[in-house]
Amino acid sequence: MTALQAAFDHMIVNTRVVSSRSRVEDDKFLGWLAYSNFDRAFKAVNMLHEALKSRGLGMREWSRDLFIPRSRR
């Protein structure tokens, strides 16, 4: 778990994360990173994948786009 947490913390420090959350539950690491746009998220996912791969780890990616409508004034 230490290598995984180190890779996740590296992402928080070295990418433009808007918000993040992580926890260890039942010997599983759960974490998410939020970015302000698709391009930053895409680059970060690739960076995280390489960081994990270099530590002999992998990931299952789950992503979604969230569109918040502008308020009418």
PDB file of N, CA and C in Angstrom:
ATOM      1  N   MET A   1       0.818  -1.205   0.000  1.00  0.00           N
ATOM      2  CA  MET A   1       0.000   0.000   0.000  1.00  0.00           C
ATOM      3  C   MET A   1       0.860   1.267   0.000  1.00  0.00           C
ATOM      4  N   THR A   2       2.051   1.183   0.545  1.00  0.00           N
ATOM      5  CA  THR A   2       2.913   2.359   0.637  1.00  0.00           C
ATOM      6  C   THR A   2       3.281   2.896  -0.744  1.00  0.00           C
ATOM      7  N   ALA A   3       3.633   2.000  -1.674  1.00  0.00           N
ATOM      8  CA  ALA A   3       3.996   2.433  -3.029  1.00  0.00           C
ATOM      9  C   ALA A   3       2.801   3.072  -3.732  1.00  0.00           C
ATOM     10  N   LEU A   4       1.640   2.519  -3.512  1.00  0.00           N
ATOM     11  CA  LEU A   4       0.433   3.056  -4.126  1.00  0.00           C
ATOM     12  C   LEU A   4       0.114   4.443  -3.578  1.00  0.00           C
ATOM     13  N   GLN A   5       0.188   4.603  -2.273  1.00  0.00           N
ATOM     14  CA  GLN A   5      -0.074   5.910  -1.665  1.00  0.00           C
ATOM     15  C   GLN A   5       0.960   6.929  -2.115  1.00  0.00           C
ATOM     16  N   ALA A   6       2.216   6.510  -2.261  1.00  0.00           N
ATOM     17  CA  ALA A   6       3.270   7.419  -2.730  1.00  0.00           C
ATOM     18  C   ALA A   6       2.982   7.897  -4.152  1.00  0.00           C
ATOM     19  N   ALA A   7       2.556   6.996  -5.022  1.00  0.00           N
ATOM     20  CA  ALA A   7       2.223   7.375  -6.404  1.00  0.00           C
ATOM     21  C   ALA A   7       1.047   8.346  -6.417  1.00  0.00           C
ATOM     22  N   PHE A   8       0.038   8.085  -5.601  1.00  0.00           N
ATOM     23  CA  PHE A   8      -1.135   8.953  -5.533  1.00  0.00           C
ATOM     24  C   PHE A   8      -0.747  10.337  -5.002  1.00  0.00           C
ATOM     25  N   ASP A   9       0.044  10.376  -3.950  1.00  0.00           N
ATOM     26  CA  ASP A   9       0.499  11.655  -3.385  1.00  0.00           C
ATOM     27  C   ASP A   9       1.335  12.431  -4.397  1.00  0.00           C
ATOM     28  N   HIS A  10       2.137  11.729  -5.176  1.00  0.00           N
ATOM     29  CA  HIS A  10       2.941  12.369  -6.227  1.00  0.00           C
ATOM     30  C   HIS A  10       2.027  13.087  -7.223  1.00  0.00           C
ATOM     31  N   MET A  11       0.915  12.466  -7.566  1.00  0.00           N
ATOM     32  CA  MET A  11      -0.037  13.080  -8.497  1.00  0.00           C
ATOM     33  C   MET A  11      -0.622  14.362  -7.917  1.00  0.00           C
ATOM     34  N   ILE A  12      -0.946  14.331  -6.655  1.00  0.00           N
ATOM     35  CA  ILE A  12      -1.535  15.510  -6.012  1.00  0.00           C
ATOM     36  C   ILE A  12      -0.566  16.685  -6.039  1.00  0.00           C
ATOM     37  N   VAL A  13       0.689  16.402  -5.778  1.00  0.00           N
ATOM     38  CA  VAL A  13       1.705  17.454  -5.721  1.00  0.00           C
ATOM     39  C   VAL A  13       2.109  17.943  -7.111  1.00  0.00           C
ATOM     40  N   ASN A  14       2.162  17.048  -8.096  1.00  0.00           N
ATOM     41  CA  ASN A  14       2.754  17.383  -9.394  1.00  0.00           C
ATOM     42  C   ASN A  14       1.770  17.605 -10.539  1.00  0.00           C
ATOM     43  N   THR A  15       0.495  17.508 -10.285  1.00  0.00           N
ATOM     44  CA  THR A  15      -0.493  17.819 -11.318  1.00  0.00           C
ATOM     45  C   THR A  15      -1.459  18.844 -10.748  1.00  0.00           C
ATOM     46  N   ARG A  16      -2.227  19.423 -11.601  1.00  0.00           N
ATOM     47  CA  ARG A  16      -3.131  20.496 -11.172  1.00  0.00           C
ATOM     48  C   ARG A  16      -4.475  19.921 -10.727  1.00  0.00           C
ATOM     49  N   VAL A  17      -4.450  19.217  -9.600  1.00  0.00           N
ATOM     50  CA  VAL A  17      -5.640  18.583  -9.042  1.00  0.00           C
ATOM     51  C   VAL A  17      -6.553  19.644  -8.436  1.00  0.00           C
ATOM     52  N   VAL A  18      -7.830  19.567  -8.767  1.00  0.00           N
ATOM     53  CA  VAL A  18      -8.819  20.461  -8.165  1.00  0.00           C
ATOM     54  C   VAL A  18      -9.205  19.926  -6.788  1.00  0.00           C
ATOM     55  N   SER A  19      -9.426  18.616  -6.705  1.00  0.00           N
ATOM     56  CA  SER A  19      -9.698  17.970  -5.423  1.00  0.00           C
ATOM     57  C   SER A  19      -9.321  16.500  -5.511  1.00  0.00           C
ATOM     58  N   SER A  20      -9.107  15.901  -4.345  1.00  0.00           N
ATOM     59  CA  SER A  20      -8.718  14.494  -4.307  1.00  0.00           C
ATOM     60  C   SER A  20      -9.203  13.866  -3.012  1.00  0.00           C
ATOM     61  N   ARG A  21      -9.285  12.559  -3.043  1.00  0.00           N
ATOM     62  CA  ARG A  21      -9.690  11.807  -1.872  1.00  0.00           C
ATOM     63  C   ARG A  21      -9.083  10.411  -1.987  1.00  0.00           C
ATOM     64  N   SER A  22      -8.658   9.839  -0.882  1.00  0.00           N
ATOM     65  CA  SER A  22      -8.189   8.459  -0.900  1.00  0.00           C
ATOM     66  C   SER A  22      -8.382   7.846   0.474  1.00  0.00           C
ATOM     67  N   ARG A  23      -8.513   6.501   0.465  1.00  0.00           N
ATOM     68  CA  ARG A  23      -8.609   5.765   1.717  1.00  0.00           C
ATOM     69  C   ARG A  23      -8.279   4.300   1.445  1.00  0.00           C
ATOM     70  N   VAL A  24      -7.906   3.609   2.498  1.00  0.00           N
ATOM     71  CA  VAL A  24      -7.679   2.175   2.435  1.00  0.00           C
ATOM     72  C   VAL A  24      -8.829   1.526   3.185  1.00  0.00           C
ATOM     73  N   GLU A  25      -9.476   0.573   2.520  1.00  0.00           N
ATOM     74  CA  GLU A  25     -10.649  -0.077   3.101  1.00  0.00           C
ATOM     75  C   GLU A  25     -10.607  -1.553   2.738  1.00  0.00           C
ATOM     76  N   ASP A  26     -10.635  -2.420   3.725  1.00  0.00           N
ATOM     77  CA  ASP A  26     -10.594  -3.868   3.493  1.00  0.00           C
ATOM     78  C   ASP A  26      -9.431  -4.263   2.582  1.00  0.00           C
ATOM     79  N   ASP A  27      -8.247  -3.753   2.883  1.00  0.00           N
ATOM     80  CA  ASP A  27      -7.041  -4.024   2.093  1.00  0.00           C
ATOM     81  C   ASP A  27      -7.153  -3.583   0.637  1.00  0.00           C
ATOM     82  N   LYS A  28      -8.020  -2.611   0.356  1.00  0.00           N
ATOM     83  CA  LYS A  28      -8.154  -2.039  -0.978  1.00  0.00           C
ATOM     84  C   LYS A  28      -7.897  -0.545  -0.894  1.00  0.00           C
ATOM     85  N   PHE A  29      -7.207  -0.026  -1.894  1.00  0.00           N
ATOM     86  CA  PHE A  29      -6.973   1.416  -1.984  1.00  0.00           C
ATOM     87  C   PHE A  29      -8.066   2.001  -2.864  1.00  0.00           C
ATOM     88  N   LEU A  30      -8.728   3.015  -2.362  1.00  0.00           N
ATOM     89  CA  LEU A  30      -9.745   3.724  -3.132  1.00  0.00           C
ATOM     90  C   LEU A  30      -9.313   5.184  -3.214  1.00  0.00           C
ATOM     91  N   GLY A  31      -9.303   5.729  -4.414  1.00  0.00           N
ATOM     92  CA  GLY A  31      -8.900   7.118  -4.555  1.00  0.00           C
ATOM     93  C   GLY A  31      -9.490   7.748  -5.793  1.00  0.00           C
ATOM     94  N   TRP A  32      -9.669   9.044  -5.752  1.00  0.00           N
ATOM     95  CA  TRP A  32     -10.101   9.778  -6.941  1.00  0.00           C
ATOM     96  C   TRP A  32      -9.410  11.118  -6.979  1.00  0.00           C
ATOM     97  N   LEU A  33      -9.212  11.570  -8.190  1.00  0.00           N
ATOM     98  CA  LEU A  33      -8.603  12.871  -8.452  1.00  0.00           C
ATOM     99  C   LEU A  33      -9.533  13.620  -9.397  1.00  0.00           C
ATOM    100  N   ALA A  34      -9.776  14.875  -9.145  1.00  0.00           N
ATOM    101  CA  ALA A  34     -10.639  15.685 -10.010  1.00  0.00           C
ATOM    102  C   ALA A  34      -9.813  16.798 -10.641  1.00  0.00           C
ATOM    103  N   TYR A  35     -10.073  17.024 -11.936  1.00  0.00           N
ATOM    104  CA  TYR A  35      -9.359  18.049 -12.700  1.00  0.00           C
ATOM    105  C   TYR A  35     -10.361  18.994 -13.349  1.00  0.00           C
ATOM    106  N   SER A  36      -9.894  20.161 -13.716  1.00  0.00           N
ATOM    107  CA  SER A  36     -10.784  21.198 -14.229  1.00  0.00           C
ATOM    108  C   SER A  36     -11.230  20.979 -15.672  1.00  0.00           C
ATOM    109  N   ASN A  37     -10.503  20.138 -16.415  1.00  0.00           N
ATOM    110  CA  ASN A  37     -10.929  19.873 -17.792  1.00  0.00           C
ATOM    111  C   ASN A  37     -10.415  18.513 -18.259  1.00  0.00           C
ATOM    112  N   PHE A  38     -10.920  18.096 -19.408  1.00  0.00           N
ATOM    113  CA  PHE A  38     -10.581  16.775 -19.932  1.00  0.00           C
ATOM    114  C   PHE A  38      -9.101  16.626 -20.218  1.00  0.00           C
ATOM    115  N   ASP A  39      -8.479  17.635 -20.809  1.00  0.00           N
ATOM    116  CA  ASP A  39      -7.063  17.540 -21.175  1.00  0.00           C
ATOM    117  C   ASP A  39      -6.178  17.282 -19.960  1.00  0.00           C
ATOM    118  N   ARG A  40      -6.419  18.010 -18.884  1.00  0.00           N
ATOM    119  CA  ARG A  40      -5.626  17.804 -17.666  1.00  0.00           C
ATOM    120  C   ARG A  40      -5.880  16.427 -17.077  1.00  0.00           C
ATOM    121  N   ALA A  41      -7.130  16.006 -17.095  1.00  0.00           N
ATOM    122  CA  ALA A  41      -7.464  14.679 -16.563  1.00  0.00           C
ATOM    123  C   ALA A  41      -6.807  13.586 -17.401  1.00  0.00           C
ATOM    124  N   PHE A  42      -6.861  13.714 -18.719  1.00  0.00           N
ATOM    125  CA  PHE A  42      -6.277  12.713 -19.610  1.00  0.00           C
ATOM    126  C   PHE A  42      -4.773  12.591 -19.387  1.00  0.00           C
ATOM    127  N   LYS A  43      -4.091  13.727 -19.308  1.00  0.00           N
ATOM    128  CA  LYS A  43      -2.643  13.715 -19.080  1.00  0.00           C
ATOM    129  C   LYS A  43      -2.316  13.108 -17.714  1.00  0.00           C
ATOM    130  N   ALA A  44      -3.117  13.434 -16.719  1.00  0.00           N
ATOM    131  CA  ALA A  44      -2.884  12.914 -15.368  1.00  0.00           C
ATOM    132  C   ALA A  44      -3.101  11.403 -15.307  1.00  0.00           C
ATOM    133  N   VAL A  45      -4.116  10.903 -15.985  1.00  0.00           N
ATOM    134  CA  VAL A  45      -4.356   9.456 -15.999  1.00  0.00           C
ATOM    135  C   VAL A  45      -3.169   8.736 -16.620  1.00  0.00           C
ATOM    136  N   ASN A  46      -2.666   9.260 -17.712  1.00  0.00           N
ATOM    137  CA  ASN A  46      -1.493   8.645 -18.345  1.00  0.00           C
ATOM    138  C   ASN A  46      -0.277   8.699 -17.429  1.00  0.00           C
ATOM    139  N   MET A  47      -0.094   9.809 -16.733  1.00  0.00           N
ATOM    140  CA  MET A  47       1.026   9.952 -15.805  1.00  0.00           C
ATOM    141  C   MET A  47       0.877   8.966 -14.638  1.00  0.00           C
ATOM    142  N   LEU A  48      -0.326   8.848 -14.115  1.00  0.00           N
ATOM    143  CA  LEU A  48      -0.563   7.923 -13.008  1.00  0.00           C
ATOM    144  C   LEU A  48      -0.337   6.482 -13.461  1.00  0.00           C
ATOM    145  N   HIS A  49      -0.811   6.153 -14.636  1.00  0.00           N
ATOM    146  CA  HIS A  49      -0.614   4.804 -15.163  1.00  0.00           C
ATOM    147  C   HIS A  49       0.874   4.462 -15.240  1.00  0.00           C
ATOM    148  N   GLU A  50       1.688   5.376 -15.746  1.00  0.00           N
ATOM    149  CA  GLU A  50       3.129   5.150 -15.846  1.00  0.00           C
ATOM    150  C   GLU A  50       3.776   5.059 -14.460  1.00  0.00           C
ATOM    151  N   ALA A  51       3.335   5.908 -13.532  1.00  0.00           N
ATOM    152  CA  ALA A  51       3.892   5.877 -12.175  1.00  0.00           C
ATOM    153  C   ALA A  51       3.584   4.545 -11.494  1.00  0.00           C
ATOM    154  N   LEU A  52       2.389   4.038 -11.689  1.00  0.00           N
ATOM    155  CA  LEU A  52       2.018   2.755 -11.098  1.00  0.00           C
ATOM    156  C   LEU A  52       2.763   1.607 -11.772  1.00  0.00           C
ATOM    157  N   LYS A  53       2.843   1.671 -13.098  1.00  0.00           N
ATOM    158  CA  LYS A  53       3.527   0.623 -13.865  1.00  0.00           C
ATOM    159  C   LYS A  53       4.988   0.503 -13.440  1.00  0.00           C
ATOM    160  N   SER A  54       5.634   1.638 -13.186  1.00  0.00           N
ATOM    161  CA  SER A  54       7.040   1.616 -12.775  1.00  0.00           C
ATOM    162  C   SER A  54       7.221   0.990 -11.395  1.00  0.00           C
ATOM    163  N   ARG A  55       6.151   0.920 -10.614  1.00  0.00           N
ATOM    164  CA  ARG A  55       6.185   0.303  -9.291  1.00  0.00           C
ATOM    165  C   ARG A  55       5.612  -1.119  -9.310  1.00  0.00           C
ATOM    166  N   GLY A  56       5.351  -1.631 -10.506  1.00  0.00           N
ATOM    167  CA  GLY A  56       4.800  -2.975 -10.626  1.00  0.00           C
ATOM    168  C   GLY A  56       3.327  -3.054 -10.271  1.00  0.00           C
ATOM    169  N   LEU A  57       2.625  -1.928 -10.371  1.00  0.00           N
ATOM    170  CA  LEU A  57       1.202  -1.862 -10.034  1.00  0.00           C
ATOM    171  C   LEU A  57       0.381  -1.515 -11.277  1.00  0.00           C
ATOM    172  N   GLY A  58      -0.909  -1.634 -11.184  1.00  0.00           N
ATOM    173  CA  GLY A  58      -1.803  -1.271 -12.277  1.00  0.00           C
ATOM    174  C   GLY A  58      -3.021  -0.555 -11.725  1.00  0.00           C
ATOM    175  N   MET A  59      -3.940  -0.208 -12.605  1.00  0.00           N
ATOM    176  CA  MET A  59      -5.134   0.506 -12.159  1.00  0.00           C
ATOM    177  C   MET A  59      -6.314   0.160 -13.044  1.00  0.00           C
ATOM    178  N   ARG A  60      -7.488   0.364 -12.495  1.00  0.00           N
ATOM    179  CA  ARG A  60      -8.722   0.258 -13.254  1.00  0.00           C
ATOM    180  C   ARG A  60      -9.294   1.671 -13.300  1.00  0.00           C
ATOM    181  N   GLU A  61      -9.375   2.210 -14.486  1.00  0.00           N
ATOM    182  CA  GLU A  61      -9.826   3.597 -14.658  1.00  0.00           C
ATOM    183  C   GLU A  61     -11.348   3.652 -14.747  1.00  0.00           C
ATOM    184  N   TRP A  62     -11.897   4.617 -14.060  1.00  0.00           N
ATOM    185  CA  TRP A  62     -13.312   4.918 -14.173  1.00  0.00           C
ATOM    186  C   TRP A  62     -13.411   6.429 -14.233  1.00  0.00           C
ATOM    187  N   SER A  63     -14.039   6.933 -15.262  1.00  0.00           N
ATOM    188  CA  SER A  63     -14.140   8.390 -15.379  1.00  0.00           C
ATOM    189  C   SER A  63     -15.525   8.770 -15.850  1.00  0.00           C
ATOM    190  N   ARG A  64     -15.873  10.003 -15.591  1.00  0.00           N
ATOM    191  CA  ARG A  64     -17.137  10.531 -16.086  1.00  0.00           C
ATOM    192  C   ARG A  64     -16.997  12.039 -16.237  1.00  0.00           C
ATOM    193  N   ASP A  65     -17.747  12.555 -17.158  1.00  0.00           N
ATOM    194  CA  ASP A  65     -17.805  14.002 -17.347  1.00  0.00           C
ATOM    195  C   ASP A  65     -19.033  14.508 -16.613  1.00  0.00           C
ATOM    196  N   LEU A  66     -18.875  15.599 -15.950  1.00  0.00           N
ATOM    197  CA  LEU A  66     -19.982  16.196 -15.231  1.00  0.00           C
ATOM    198  C   LEU A  66     -20.166  17.611 -15.763  1.00  0.00           C
ATOM    199  N   PHE A  67     -21.292  17.850 -16.368  1.00  0.00           N
ATOM    200  CA  PHE A  67     -21.586  19.172 -16.910  1.00  0.00           C
ATOM    201  C   PHE A  67     -22.567  19.865 -15.982  1.00  0.00           C
ATOM    202  N   ILE A  68     -22.188  21.014 -15.524  1.00  0.00           N
ATOM    203  CA  ILE A  68     -23.044  21.803 -14.638  1.00  0.00           C
ATOM    204  C   ILE A  68     -23.586  22.957 -15.443  1.00  0.00           C
ATOM    205  N   PRO A  69     -24.909  23.008 -15.623  1.00  0.00           N
ATOM    206  CA  PRO A  69     -25.474  24.097 -16.439  1.00  0.00           C
ATOM    207  C   PRO A  69     -25.265  25.452 -15.763  1.00  0.00           C
ATOM    208  N   ARG A  70     -25.060  26.437 -16.594  1.00  0.00           N
ATOM    209  CA  ARG A  70     -24.899  27.796 -16.064  1.00  0.00           C
ATOM    210  C   ARG A  70     -26.248  28.317 -15.610  1.00  0.00           C
ATOM    211  N   SER A  71     -26.231  29.066 -14.551  1.00  0.00           N
ATOM    212  CA  SER A  71     -27.491  29.613 -14.067  1.00  0.00           C
ATOM    213  C   SER A  71     -27.924  30.789 -14.964  1.00  0.00           C
ATOM    214  N   ARG A  72     -29.188  30.902 -15.139  1.00  0.00           N
ATOM    215  CA  ARG A  72     -29.729  32.007 -15.970  1.00  0.00           C
ATOM    216  C   ARG A  72     -29.953  33.209 -15.098  1.00  0.00           C
ATOM    217  N   ARG A  73     -29.387  34.301 -15.478  1.00  0.00           N
ATOM    218  CA  ARG A  73     -29.568  35.545 -14.690  1.00  0.00           C
ATOM    219  C   ARG A  73     -29.999  36.638 -15.601  1.00  0.00           C
TER     220      ARG A  73
END
